[in-house]
C-alpha atoms as a PDB file:
ATOM      1  CA  GLN A   1       0.231   0.107  -0.165  1.00  0.00           C
ATOM      2  CA  LEU A   2       3.335   2.599   1.110  1.00  0.00           C
ATOM      3  CA  GLN A   3       4.763   1.209  -2.208  1.00  0.00           C
ATOM      4  CA  SER A   4       1.997   2.142  -4.129  1.00  0.00           C
ATOM      5  CA  GLU A   5       1.498   5.704  -3.050  1.00  0.00           C
ATOM      6  CA  ILE A   6       5.149   6.571  -2.596  1.00  0.00           C
ATOM      7  CA  ALA A   7       4.777   5.538  -6.900  1.00  0.00           C
ATOM      8  CA  ALA A   8       1.772   7.718  -7.013  1.00  0.00           C
ATOM      9  CA  ALA A   9       2.677  10.787  -5.172  1.00  0.00           C
ATOM     10  CA  ASN A  10       6.250  10.712  -7.637  1.00  0.00           C
ATOM     11  CA  LYS A  11       3.942  10.164 -10.658  1.00  0.00           C
ATOM     12  CA  ASP A  12       1.773  13.237  -9.213  1.00  0.00           C
ATOM     13  CA  LYS A  13       6.017  14.915  -9.291  1.00  0.00           C
ATOM     14  CA  ARG A  14       6.347  14.071 -12.259  1.00  0.00           C
ATOM     15  CA  THR A  15       3.985  15.339 -13.778  1.00  0.00           C
ATOM     16  CA  LEU A  16       4.074  18.346 -12.171  1.00  0.00           C
ATOM     17  CA  GLU A  17       7.213  19.074 -13.068  1.00  0.00           C
ATOM     18  CA  MET A  18       6.184  18.002 -16.679  1.00  0.00           C
ATOM     19  CA  LEU A  19       3.126  21.029 -15.774  1.00  0.00           C
ATOM     20  CA  VAL A  20       5.940  23.723 -14.871  1.00  0.00           C
ATOM     21  CA  GLU A  21       8.666  22.809 -17.111  1.00  0.00           C
ATOM     22  CA  SER A  22       5.567  23.147 -19.563  1.00  0.00           C
ATOM     23  CA  VAL A  23       4.048  26.482 -18.406  1.00  0.00           C
ATOM     24  CA  ARG A  24       7.655  27.693 -18.128  1.00  0.00           C
ATOM     25  CA  ARG A  25       8.289  27.468 -22.256  1.00  0.00           C
ATOM     26  CA  MET A  26       5.095  28.624 -22.654  1.00  0.00           C
ATOM     27  CA  GLY A  27       6.096  31.553 -21.189  1.00  0.00           C
ATOM     28  CA  GLU A  28       9.613  32.237 -22.367  1.00  0.00           C
ATOM     29  CA  ASP A  29       7.367  31.519 -26.163  1.00  0.00           C
ATOM     30  CA  ALA A  30       5.584  34.328 -24.746  1.00  0.00           C
ATOM     31  CA  GLU A  31       8.338  36.086 -24.062  1.00  0.00           C
ATOM     32  CA  GLU A  32      10.172  35.910 -26.857  1.00  0.00           C
ATOM     33  CA  ARG A  33       6.866  36.468 -29.333  1.00  0.00           C
ATOM     34  CA  TYR A  34       4.918  39.477 -27.600  1.00  0.00           C
ATOM     35  CA  GLY A  35       8.497  41.040 -26.072  1.00  0.00           C
ATOM     36  CA  ALA A  36       9.745  41.703 -29.714  1.00  0.00           C
ATOM     37  CA  THR A  37       6.162  43.549 -30.836  1.00  0.00           C
ATOM     38  CA  VAL A  38       6.443  45.165 -27.266  1.00  0.00           C
ATOM     39  CA  SER A  39       9.393  46.805 -27.902  1.00  0.00           C
ATOM     40  CA  SER A  40       8.547  47.518 -31.681  1.00  0.00           C
ATOM     41  CA  LEU A  41       5.258  49.471 -30.230  1.00  0.00           C
ATOM     42  CA  ARG A  42       7.455  51.447 -27.746  1.00  0.00           C
ATOM     43  CA  ALA A  43       9.943  51.883 -30.860  1.00  0.00           C
ATOM     44  CA  GLU A  44       6.969  53.327 -32.944  1.00  0.00           C
ATOM     45  CA  ALA A  45       5.628  55.696 -29.973  1.00  0.00           C
ATOM     46  CA  GLN A  46       8.811  57.224 -29.530  1.00  0.00           C
ATOM     47  CA  ARG A  47       8.949  57.948 -33.401  1.00  0.00           C
ATOM     48  CA  LYS A  48       5.418  59.080 -33.535  1.00  0.00           C
ATOM     49  CA  ASP A  49       6.681  61.600 -30.362  1.00  0.00           C
ATOM     50  CA  ASN A  50       9.978  62.843 -31.871  1.00  0.00           C
ATOM     51  CA  GLU A  51       7.296  63.284 -35.468  1.00  0.00           C
ATOM     52  CA  TRP A  52       5.161  65.193 -33.428  1.00  0.00           C
ATOM     53  CA  LEU A  53       7.616  66.545 -31.299  1.00  0.00           C
ATOM     54  CA  ARG A  54       8.894  67.941 -34.970  1.00  0.00           C
ATOM     55  CA  ALA A  55       5.776  69.313 -36.213  1.00  0.00           C
ATOM     56  CA  ASN A  56       5.075  70.945 -33.254  1.00  0.00           C
ATOM     57  CA  SER A  57       8.414  72.765 -33.168  1.00  0.00           C
ATOM     58  CA  LEU A  58       8.046  73.820 -37.208  1.00  0.00           C
ATOM     59  CA  LEU A  59       5.338  75.008 -36.370  1.00  0.00           C
ATOM     60  CA  ALA A  60       5.840  77.770 -33.591  1.00  0.00           C
ATOM     61  CA  GLU A  61       8.736  78.629 -35.918  1.00  0.00           C
ATOM     62  CA  ALA A  62       6.109  79.092 -38.637  1.00  0.00           C
ATOM     63  CA  ARG A  63       4.023  81.230 -36.049  1.00  0.00           C
ATOM     64  CA  HIS A  64       6.485  82.950 -34.800  1.00  0.00           C
ATOM     65  CA  GLN A  65       7.840  83.828 -39.026  1.00  0.00           C
ATOM     66  CA  LEU A  66       3.889  84.903 -39.415  1.00  0.00           C
ATOM     67  CA  ASP A  67       4.128  86.960 -36.136  1.00  0.00           C
ATOM     68  CA  SER A  68       7.067  88.550 -37.529  1.00  0.00           C
ATOM     69  CA  THR A  69       5.490  89.334 -40.624  1.00  0.00           C
ATOM     70  CA  VAL A  70       1.375  90.606 -39.516  1.00  0.00           C
ATOM     71  CA  ALA A  71       4.266  93.065 -37.241  1.00  0.00           C
ATOM     72  CA  ALA A  72       5.857  94.546 -40.463  1.00  0.00           C
ATOM     73  CA  HIS A  73       2.663  95.056 -42.631  1.00  0.00           C
ATOM     74  CA  ASP A  74       1.256  96.705 -39.593  1.00  0.00           C
ATOM     75  CA  LYS A  75       4.735  98.917 -38.775  1.00  0.00           C
ATOM     76  CA  GLU A  76       4.698  99.700 -43.034  1.00  0.00           C
ATOM     77  CA  ALA A  77       1.440 100.189 -42.845  1.00  0.00           C
ATOM     78  CA  ALA A  78       1.309 102.786 -39.915  1.00  0.00           C
ATOM     79  CA  ASP A  79       4.119 104.029 -41.918  1.00  0.00           C
ATOM     80  CA  MET A  80       2.598 105.018 -44.860  1.00  0.00           C
ATOM     81  CA  ARG A  81      -0.685 106.884 -42.909  1.00  0.00           C
ATOM     82  CA  ALA A  82       1.738 108.740 -41.371  1.00  0.00           C
ATOM     83  CA  ARG A  83       3.353 109.234 -44.647  1.00  0.00           C
ATOM     84  CA  GLU A  84      -0.167 110.200 -46.301  1.00  0.00           C
ATOM     85  CA  ARG A  85      -1.439 112.400 -43.289  1.00  0.00           C
ATOM     86  CA  THR A  86       1.799 114.473 -43.876  1.00  0.00           C
ATOM     87  CA  GLN A  87       1.583 115.058 -47.456  1.00  0.00           C
ATOM     88  CA  GLU A  88      -2.427 115.956 -47.050  1.00  0.00           C
ATOM     89  CA  ALA A  89      -0.978 118.419 -44.059  1.00  0.00           C
ATOM     90  CA  GLU A  90       2.062 120.027 -47.122  1.00  0.00           C
ATOM     91  CA  LEU A  91      -1.228 119.703 -49.893  1.00  0.00           C
ATOM     92  CA  MET A  92      -3.641 122.186 -47.624  1.00  0.00           C
ATOM     93  CA  LYS A  93      -0.709 124.223 -46.730  1.00  0.00           C
ATOM     94  CA  LEU A  94       0.196 124.410 -50.423  1.00  0.00           C
ATOM     95  CA  LYS A  95      -3.671 124.791 -51.201  1.00  0.00           C
ATOM     96  CA  GLU A  96      -3.923 128.133 -48.279  1.00  0.00           C
ATOM     97  CA  GLU A  97      -0.443 129.820 -49.984  1.00  0.00           C
ATOM     98  CA  VAL A  98      -1.884 129.580 -53.385  1.00  0.00           C
ATOM     99  CA  VAL A  99      -5.347 130.898 -52.392  1.00  0.00           C
ATOM    100  CA  ARG A 100      -4.077 134.264 -50.690  1.00  0.00           C
ATOM    101  CA  PRO A 101      -2.075 135.976 -52.850  1.00  0.00           C
END
């Protein structure tokens, strides 16, 4: 009786060892398969982050250039209006001189 129980326990032990080994191999296979996928996804995410940062930087540069261009045009328009007012004032002066003999 004892020997049959020992034999059954040894058989159960070998079965458990085989199951543990099988699960270990499945874990290694999954790590190989999915580890590469996870690494690939991380690399892709990093590339996308870098692309976004570059695009954001280019956008900020374009905004700055646009702001500078608008400011330059605004200044040029203000200068032109000032010149027009000066010319109108000079023209009015000339008209007054011509009208007054």
